[in-house]
Amino acid sequence: MERLNVLFITPWYPTNEHPVSGVFVREHAKAVRLYDDVVVLHCAGTDATLKGLWRIEQESDKSLTEGILTYRVWHRRSPIPKTSYLLYLWSAFRAFRRIAAQKSVRWDIIHAHVFQAGLPAVLIGRSHRIPVVVTEHWTLFPKKLLDPFSIWKASIAFRWAQVVMPVSLSLQQAIEAYGIKARFHVVPNVVDTQLFYPNSFPQSKSQSLKRLLFVGLLDPSHKKGVPHLLQALAQLRHVRDDWHLDIVGDGPPRSEYERLAIDLGLANKVTFHGLKSKQEVGEFMRQAHLFVLPSIWENLPCVVIEAMASGLPILSTPIGGIPELVDEEVGILVPPGDAPKLTAALGHMIESLNKYDRVGIAQKAHRYSPESIGGMIDSLYRPCIQR
């Protein structure tokens, strides 16, 4: 089948300053690249040092691009209040024309990520007769935090796009709750199955110490539920002591969480490891017995899919798209913020670990592999193209 020329337009993509930000967009680009040719245009925002109105450059750091041709475009902040967005749109148009001229290519499709990039994408698409699809994965929809201008931008972007791909049915319903109409098709996040896979030498079911694992950015809003997890573990310790929690991730409240662990008598039961590479996270997962993510807010967390691909039983909350991932064969979901129920579930799962099939759990994650997600997206591109 003939490969398509696809232009990704996104406001989020990994940079040296923010290596974590935009990784899930890059994983989608890598999945699509299995079937089609991909170029990325990262609308990186304003640049206070600009002498002109805009600037574009090709990203040369191969650790960030991973072989995907990537351009970054910046625009100047307008001195006139509330008009910088016009420069954002204008810089996206100029960057599109510059890239098209340099590559001498006719784009078959534009794939925008989130509605912020969706609006310039559909405007470019209409002016150049190129179909546009939009992937949406922003938690502002379920949190109901969109301001009127953002609602208007999302409405236009989604209505004019040929397909809108929310990463979960829960997110689609949150978008529709705003009264926004679109041609929706759920396409979940992707997991790198080359990095996340079950341990080739499973731990003995009789192994005395059970390794519990939490992976996530530590947010000042405590949306990952870490305080509830520590409180639940403090109660669990009165019942059983055969476990240890590894926390992988960093953020402003880390020192607060470390103090809380000490205050709760968990200093020797919890280890804070800080940020780790994806490769290191994969190894943590292969050595763990149980993955715990007691989030208060989520969309469709990639880390849960990574844990599944690693064959880990999962204890989480029925928030966002998590119930679309975790069934009774994979794990247990407890109400967010409910430390007593979290304590009970932790004890039950530690006691019942031998009932979970790690290989079977990993097989359930195959539908989130790059081959599966890339093929799904490619199959949605094809009907949009008028040849």
Protein backbone atom coordinates (compact mmCIF):
# COMPACT_ATOMS: atom_id res chain seq x y z
CA MET A 1 0.00 0.00 0.00
CA GLU A 2 1.30 3.45 -0.90
CA ARG A 3 2.68 5.39 2.05
CA LEU A 4 1.04 8.72 2.83
CA ASN A 5 2.77 12.03 3.55
CA VAL A 6 1.58 13.07 7.01
CA LEU A 7 2.29 16.37 8.78
CA PHE A 8 1.88 16.34 12.55
CA ILE A 9 1.07 19.75 14.03
CA THR A 10 1.33 19.87 17.82
CA PRO A 11 1.84 22.33 20.68
CA TRP A 12 3.58 19.59 22.72
CA TYR A 13 6.74 17.71 21.78
CA PRO A 14 9.88 16.74 23.73
CA THR A 15 12.55 19.41 24.14
CA ASN A 16 15.82 19.54 26.04
CA GLU A 17 14.19 21.86 28.57
CA HIS A 18 11.11 19.64 28.95
CA PRO A 19 12.10 16.10 27.88
CA VAL A 20 8.92 14.51 29.31
CA SER A 21 6.46 16.92 27.72
CA GLY A 22 5.08 15.66 24.45
CA VAL A 23 6.54 12.15 24.63
CA PHE A 24 3.10 10.62 24.03
CA VAL A 25 2.78 12.67 20.82
CA ARG A 26 6.15 11.39 19.65
CA GLU A 27 5.05 7.81 20.40
CA HIS A 28 2.01 8.36 18.16
CA ALA A 29 4.30 9.74 15.45
CA LYS A 30 6.56 6.69 15.74
CA ALA A 31 3.54 4.39 15.46
CA VAL A 32 2.23 6.19 12.36
CA ARG A 33 5.73 6.10 10.83
CA LEU A 34 5.44 2.31 10.59
CA TYR A 35 2.86 2.82 7.83
CA ASP A 36 3.33 6.38 6.52
CA ASP A 37 5.96 9.13 6.23
CA VAL A 38 5.78 11.64 9.07
CA VAL A 39 7.11 15.16 9.58
CA VAL A 40 6.43 17.05 12.83
CA LEU A 41 5.74 20.76 13.18
CA HIS A 42 5.98 21.70 16.86
CA CYS A 43 4.31 25.03 17.59
CA ALA A 44 6.58 25.79 20.54
CA GLY A 45 4.93 29.06 21.65
CA THR A 46 6.26 32.55 22.23
CA ASP A 47 9.93 33.57 22.29
CA ALA A 48 10.74 36.80 24.12
CA THR A 49 14.14 37.06 22.36
CA LEU A 50 12.69 37.19 18.84
CA LYS A 51 13.57 40.26 16.80
CA GLY A 52 11.20 39.28 14.01
CA LEU A 53 7.64 37.99 14.20
CA TRP A 54 8.49 34.30 14.00
CA ARG A 55 11.31 31.77 13.76
CA ILE A 56 11.56 28.19 12.58
CA GLU A 57 14.39 25.68 12.97
CA GLN A 58 14.93 21.99 12.45
CA GLU A 59 15.54 19.94 15.60
CA SER A 60 18.97 18.28 15.40
CA ASP A 61 18.97 16.35 18.68
CA LYS A 62 18.45 12.74 17.61
CA SER A 63 17.54 11.68 21.14
CA LEU A 64 14.47 13.91 20.86
CA THR A 65 13.51 13.24 17.23
CA GLU A 66 14.30 9.50 17.11
CA GLY A 67 14.63 9.75 13.35
CA ILE A 68 11.45 11.79 12.78
CA LEU A 69 12.05 15.03 10.87
CA THR A 70 10.97 17.69 13.38
CA TYR A 71 10.64 21.46 13.06
CA ARG A 72 9.97 23.92 15.85
CA VAL A 73 8.32 27.28 15.26
CA TRP A 74 8.14 30.19 17.69
CA HIS A 75 6.20 33.42 17.44
CA ARG A 76 6.57 36.84 19.00
CA ARG A 77 4.29 37.93 21.82
CA SER A 78 2.06 40.73 20.61
CA PRO A 79 2.18 44.02 22.53
CA ILE A 80 -1.56 44.34 21.92
CA PRO A 81 -3.54 42.42 24.57
CA LYS A 82 -5.29 39.23 23.43
CA THR A 83 -3.80 39.30 19.93
CA SER A 84 -0.80 36.97 20.38
CA TYR A 85 -2.99 34.08 19.23
CA LEU A 86 -3.20 35.71 15.79
CA LEU A 87 0.61 35.59 15.60
CA TYR A 88 0.45 31.94 16.66
CA LEU A 89 -1.88 31.17 13.74
CA TRP A 90 0.20 33.24 11.34
CA SER A 91 3.46 31.56 12.39
CA ALA A 92 1.88 28.12 11.85
CA PHE A 93 0.85 29.13 8.30
CA ARG A 94 4.31 30.49 7.51
CA ALA A 95 6.02 27.41 8.94
CA PHE A 96 3.74 25.12 6.93
CA ARG A 97 4.66 26.90 3.71
CA ARG A 98 8.37 26.91 4.55
CA ILE A 99 8.41 23.15 5.24
CA ALA A 100 6.35 22.36 2.12
CA ALA A 101 8.74 24.40 -0.02
CA GLN A 102 11.86 22.81 1.51
CA LYS A 103 10.58 19.26 1.12
CA SER A 104 8.76 19.83 -2.20
CA VAL A 105 6.00 17.58 -0.94
CA ARG A 106 2.24 17.48 -1.25
CA TRP A 107 0.79 16.57 2.12
CA ASP A 108 -1.84 13.85 2.01
CA ILE A 109 -3.12 14.60 5.50
CA ILE A 110 -2.51 16.85 8.48
CA HIS A 111 -2.68 15.23 11.90
CA ALA A 112 -3.08 17.74 14.74
CA HIS A 113 -2.69 16.95 18.41
CA VAL A 114 -5.13 18.71 20.76
CA PHE A 115 -7.52 21.42 19.69
CA GLN A 116 -4.94 24.19 20.20
CA ALA A 117 -3.06 22.83 17.19
CA GLY A 118 -6.31 21.66 15.62
CA LEU A 119 -7.50 25.18 14.81
CA PRO A 120 -4.44 26.25 12.76
CA ALA A 121 -4.44 22.75 11.23
CA VAL A 122 -8.02 22.99 9.93
CA LEU A 123 -7.43 26.53 8.67
CA ILE A 124 -4.33 25.38 6.79
CA GLY A 125 -6.19 22.30 5.59
CA ARG A 126 -9.10 24.31 4.19
CA SER A 127 -6.85 26.82 2.46
CA HIS A 128 -4.76 24.06 0.84
CA ARG A 129 -7.47 21.38 0.44
CA ILE A 130 -5.77 18.91 2.76
CA PRO A 131 -7.84 16.69 5.06
CA VAL A 132 -7.23 17.08 8.79
CA VAL A 133 -7.63 14.69 11.71
CA VAL A 134 -7.21 15.64 15.37
CA THR A 135 -6.07 13.54 18.31
CA GLU A 136 -7.35 14.89 21.64
CA HIS A 137 -5.91 13.94 25.01
CA TRP A 138 -6.25 16.99 27.25
CA THR A 139 -7.69 16.58 30.74
CA LEU A 140 -9.18 20.09 30.67
CA PHE A 141 -12.30 18.57 29.12
CA PRO A 142 -13.19 16.15 31.94
CA LYS A 143 -12.10 18.74 34.50
CA LYS A 144 -14.48 21.26 32.86
CA LEU A 145 -11.80 23.96 32.88
CA LEU A 146 -12.17 25.29 29.33
CA ASP A 147 -12.79 29.03 29.04
CA PRO A 148 -15.23 30.34 26.38
CA PHE A 149 -12.46 31.11 23.88
CA SER A 150 -11.04 27.59 24.21
CA ILE A 151 -14.50 26.09 23.76
CA TRP A 152 -14.90 28.11 20.56
CA LYS A 153 -11.47 26.98 19.27
CA ALA A 154 -12.25 23.34 20.05
CA SER A 155 -15.69 23.58 18.43
CA ILE A 156 -14.26 24.95 15.17
CA ALA A 157 -11.31 22.55 15.08
CA PHE A 158 -13.42 19.46 15.78
CA ARG A 159 -16.29 20.41 13.47
CA TRP A 160 -14.00 21.04 10.51
CA ALA A 161 -11.78 17.98 11.06
CA GLN A 162 -12.56 14.85 9.07
CA VAL A 163 -12.02 12.68 12.19
CA VAL A 164 -11.49 13.51 15.86
CA MET A 165 -9.68 10.82 17.83
CA PRO A 166 -10.09 11.13 21.61
CA VAL A 167 -7.87 8.70 23.49
CA SER A 168 -10.79 7.27 25.47
CA LEU A 169 -14.56 7.01 25.37
CA SER A 170 -14.61 8.88 28.67
CA LEU A 171 -12.82 11.83 27.05
CA GLN A 172 -15.22 11.76 24.08
CA GLN A 173 -18.15 12.01 26.46
CA ALA A 174 -16.46 14.91 28.29
CA ILE A 175 -16.02 16.74 24.97
CA GLU A 176 -19.64 16.10 23.98
CA ALA A 177 -20.77 17.44 27.38
CA TYR A 178 -19.69 20.88 26.11
CA GLY A 179 -22.11 20.51 23.22
CA ILE A 180 -19.24 20.06 20.76
CA LYS A 181 -20.02 17.95 17.68
CA ALA A 182 -17.53 15.93 15.67
CA ARG A 183 -16.95 12.66 13.83
CA PHE A 184 -15.40 10.79 16.76
CA HIS A 185 -13.39 7.60 16.69
CA VAL A 186 -11.58 6.54 19.89
CA VAL A 187 -7.87 5.78 19.36
CA PRO A 188 -6.02 5.05 22.63
CA ASN A 189 -2.49 5.92 23.60
CA VAL A 190 0.38 3.77 22.41
CA VAL A 191 2.90 1.75 24.43
CA ASP A 192 6.42 0.87 23.32
CA THR A 193 6.37 -2.91 23.64
CA GLN A 194 10.12 -2.98 22.94
CA LEU A 195 10.65 -1.26 26.30
CA PHE A 196 7.75 -2.64 28.32
CA TYR A 197 7.34 -6.42 28.48
CA PRO A 198 7.06 -9.07 31.21
CA ASN A 199 10.05 -10.40 33.08
CA SER A 200 11.49 -13.44 31.29
CA PHE A 201 12.19 -14.96 34.70
CA PRO A 202 9.07 -14.38 36.81
CA GLN A 203 9.57 -13.84 40.52
CA SER A 204 8.76 -16.78 42.73
CA LYS A 205 5.18 -16.67 43.93
CA SER A 206 6.49 -17.45 47.38
CA GLN A 207 8.94 -14.52 47.36
CA SER A 208 8.51 -12.90 50.75
CA LEU A 209 8.92 -9.20 49.92
CA LYS A 210 6.39 -7.85 47.41
CA ARG A 211 7.51 -4.87 45.35
CA LEU A 212 4.82 -2.23 44.89
CA LEU A 213 5.46 0.38 42.20
CA PHE A 214 4.14 3.90 41.59
CA VAL A 215 5.29 5.83 38.50
CA GLY A 216 4.17 9.39 37.77
CA LEU A 217 5.00 13.07 37.91
CA LEU A 218 4.48 14.46 41.39
CA ASP A 219 2.03 17.32 40.90
CA PRO A 220 1.32 20.10 43.45
CA SER A 221 -2.42 19.40 43.03
CA HIS A 222 -1.76 15.85 44.34
CA LYS A 223 -3.84 14.50 41.45
CA LYS A 224 -1.89 11.22 41.48
CA GLY A 225 -3.19 10.44 44.98
CA VAL A 226 0.21 9.88 46.59
CA PRO A 227 -0.86 11.16 50.06
CA HIS A 228 -3.76 8.68 50.07
CA LEU A 229 -1.41 5.89 49.02
CA LEU A 230 1.00 6.64 51.86
CA GLN A 231 -1.84 6.84 54.39
CA ALA A 232 -3.24 3.52 53.13
CA LEU A 233 0.17 1.86 53.42
CA ALA A 234 0.58 3.15 56.97
CA GLN A 235 -2.65 1.34 57.86
CA LEU A 236 -1.67 -1.76 55.89
CA ARG A 237 1.54 -2.05 57.90
CA HIS A 238 -0.53 -2.84 61.00
CA VAL A 239 -1.78 -5.95 59.17
CA ARG A 240 1.20 -7.06 57.08
CA ASP A 241 4.77 -5.95 56.55
CA ASP A 242 5.84 -8.01 53.52
CA TRP A 243 5.97 -5.20 50.96
CA HIS A 244 8.05 -2.23 49.80
CA LEU A 245 6.90 0.74 47.68
CA ASP A 246 9.11 2.24 44.97
CA ILE A 247 8.07 5.72 43.84
CA VAL A 248 9.50 6.69 40.45
CA GLY A 249 8.92 10.31 39.47
CA ASP A 250 9.62 13.81 40.70
CA GLY A 251 7.98 17.17 41.19
CA PRO A 252 7.52 20.05 43.66
CA PRO A 253 5.76 18.01 46.40
CA ARG A 254 8.43 15.30 46.58
CA SER A 255 9.96 16.66 49.82
CA GLU A 256 6.45 16.95 51.28
CA TYR A 257 5.77 13.30 50.43
CA GLU A 258 9.11 12.24 51.89
CA ARG A 259 8.28 14.01 55.16
CA LEU A 260 4.82 12.42 55.18
CA ALA A 261 6.35 8.96 54.72
CA ILE A 262 8.64 9.60 57.70
CA ASP A 263 5.77 10.94 59.83
CA LEU A 264 3.71 7.85 59.02
CA GLY A 265 6.54 5.52 60.02
CA LEU A 266 7.24 4.41 56.44
CA ALA A 267 10.82 5.65 56.07
CA ASN A 268 12.14 2.13 55.58
CA LYS A 269 9.15 0.96 53.53
CA VAL A 270 9.10 3.61 50.76
CA THR A 271 11.92 4.61 48.42
CA PHE A 272 11.76 7.76 46.29
CA HIS A 273 13.85 7.24 43.15
CA GLY A 274 13.19 10.51 41.29
CA LEU A 275 12.88 10.75 37.52
CA LYS A 276 14.08 7.78 35.49
CA SER A 277 14.42 7.10 31.79
CA LYS A 278 11.81 5.02 29.99
CA GLN A 279 14.29 2.15 29.86
CA GLU A 280 14.80 2.34 33.62
CA VAL A 281 11.03 2.52 34.23
CA GLY A 282 10.62 -0.63 32.16
CA GLU A 283 13.14 -2.42 34.37
CA PHE A 284 11.38 -1.23 37.53
CA MET A 285 8.15 -2.68 36.16
CA ARG A 286 9.74 -6.03 35.35
CA GLN A 287 10.98 -6.29 38.93
CA ALA A 288 7.67 -5.23 40.53
CA HIS A 289 4.78 -7.39 41.69
CA LEU A 290 2.00 -4.78 41.72
CA PHE A 291 1.49 -1.38 40.07
CA VAL A 292 -0.43 1.25 42.06
CA LEU A 293 -1.85 4.51 40.67
CA PRO A 294 -4.52 5.94 43.04
CA SER A 295 -5.22 9.02 40.90
CA ILE A 296 -7.79 11.69 41.65
CA TRP A 297 -7.68 12.92 38.02
CA GLU A 298 -6.61 11.12 34.86
CA ASN A 299 -7.42 10.86 31.17
CA LEU A 300 -5.92 7.68 29.69
CA PRO A 301 -2.59 7.35 31.52
CA CYS A 302 0.15 5.84 29.37
CA VAL A 303 1.80 4.49 32.50
CA VAL A 304 -1.12 2.11 33.12
CA ILE A 305 -0.73 0.72 29.59
CA GLU A 306 3.02 0.39 30.18
CA ALA A 307 2.35 -1.51 33.40
CA MET A 308 -0.06 -3.81 31.55
CA ALA A 309 2.49 -4.44 28.81
CA SER A 310 4.93 -5.38 31.59
CA GLY A 311 2.41 -7.92 32.87
CA LEU A 312 1.74 -6.11 36.16
CA PRO A 313 -1.54 -6.42 38.08
CA ILE A 314 -2.90 -2.90 38.58
CA LEU A 315 -4.57 -1.15 41.50
CA SER A 316 -6.02 2.18 40.43
CA THR A 317 -9.19 4.31 40.43
CA PRO A 318 -12.20 4.42 38.06
CA ILE A 319 -11.20 7.83 36.71
CA GLY A 320 -11.20 8.95 33.08
CA GLY A 321 -10.36 6.12 30.71
CA ILE A 322 -8.82 3.80 33.33
CA PRO A 323 -11.95 1.56 33.50
CA GLU A 324 -11.53 1.07 29.74
CA LEU A 325 -8.11 -0.47 30.46
CA VAL A 326 -8.43 -2.35 33.74
CA ASP A 327 -10.88 -5.24 34.06
CA GLU A 328 -11.09 -7.89 36.79
CA GLU A 329 -8.43 -9.98 35.07
CA VAL A 330 -6.01 -7.04 35.21
CA GLY A 331 -6.68 -5.60 38.66
CA ILE A 332 -8.94 -3.67 41.01
CA LEU A 333 -10.30 -0.11 40.92
CA VAL A 334 -11.18 1.72 44.15
CA PRO A 335 -12.83 5.13 44.67
CA PRO A 336 -10.34 8.02 44.48
CA GLY A 337 -9.32 9.55 47.79
CA ASP A 338 -10.67 6.63 49.84
CA ALA A 339 -7.66 5.51 51.90
CA PRO A 340 -9.52 2.74 53.85
CA LYS A 341 -10.73 1.06 50.63
CA LEU A 342 -7.28 1.49 49.13
CA THR A 343 -5.81 -0.22 52.19
CA ALA A 344 -8.21 -3.14 51.85
CA ALA A 345 -7.52 -3.49 48.12
CA LEU A 346 -3.76 -3.41 48.66
CA GLY A 347 -4.00 -6.20 51.22
CA HIS A 348 -6.28 -8.27 48.99
CA MET A 349 -4.09 -7.92 45.90
CA ILE A 350 -0.85 -8.66 47.74
CA GLU A 351 -2.49 -11.79 49.14
CA SER A 352 -3.85 -12.77 45.70
CA LEU A 353 -0.91 -11.98 43.42
CA ASN A 354 -0.59 -15.60 42.35
CA LYS A 355 -4.07 -15.40 40.80
CA TYR A 356 -2.95 -12.84 38.20
CA ASP A 357 -1.51 -14.08 34.91
CA ARG A 358 1.33 -11.70 33.98
CA VAL A 359 1.60 -13.07 30.46
CA GLY A 360 -2.17 -12.77 29.99
CA ILE A 361 -2.14 -9.17 31.22
CA ALA A 362 0.67 -8.33 28.80
CA GLN A 363 -1.29 -9.88 25.93
CA LYS A 364 -4.19 -7.53 26.69
CA ALA A 365 -1.81 -4.62 26.08
CA HIS A 366 -1.00 -5.75 22.53
CA ARG A 367 -3.88 -3.64 21.19
CA TYR A 368 -1.90 -0.57 22.34
CA SER A 369 1.30 -1.56 20.54
CA PRO A 370 2.79 0.75 17.87
CA GLU A 371 1.78 -1.74 15.16
CA SER A 372 -1.83 -1.81 16.36
CA ILE A 373 -2.27 1.93 16.99
CA GLY A 374 -0.31 2.94 13.88
CA GLY A 375 -2.45 0.62 11.75
CA MET A 376 -5.64 1.97 13.32
CA ILE A 377 -4.66 5.57 12.59
CA ASP A 378 -3.59 4.75 9.03
CA SER A 379 -6.96 3.06 8.42
CA LEU A 380 -8.67 6.29 9.52
CA TYR A 381 -6.47 8.43 7.25
CA ARG A 382 -7.33 6.54 4.04
CA PRO A 383 -11.07 7.37 3.74
CA CYS A 384 -10.34 11.05 4.38
CA ILE A 385 -8.17 11.44 1.28
CA GLN A 386 -9.70 12.46 -2.03
CA ARG A 387 -7.37 11.20 -4.74
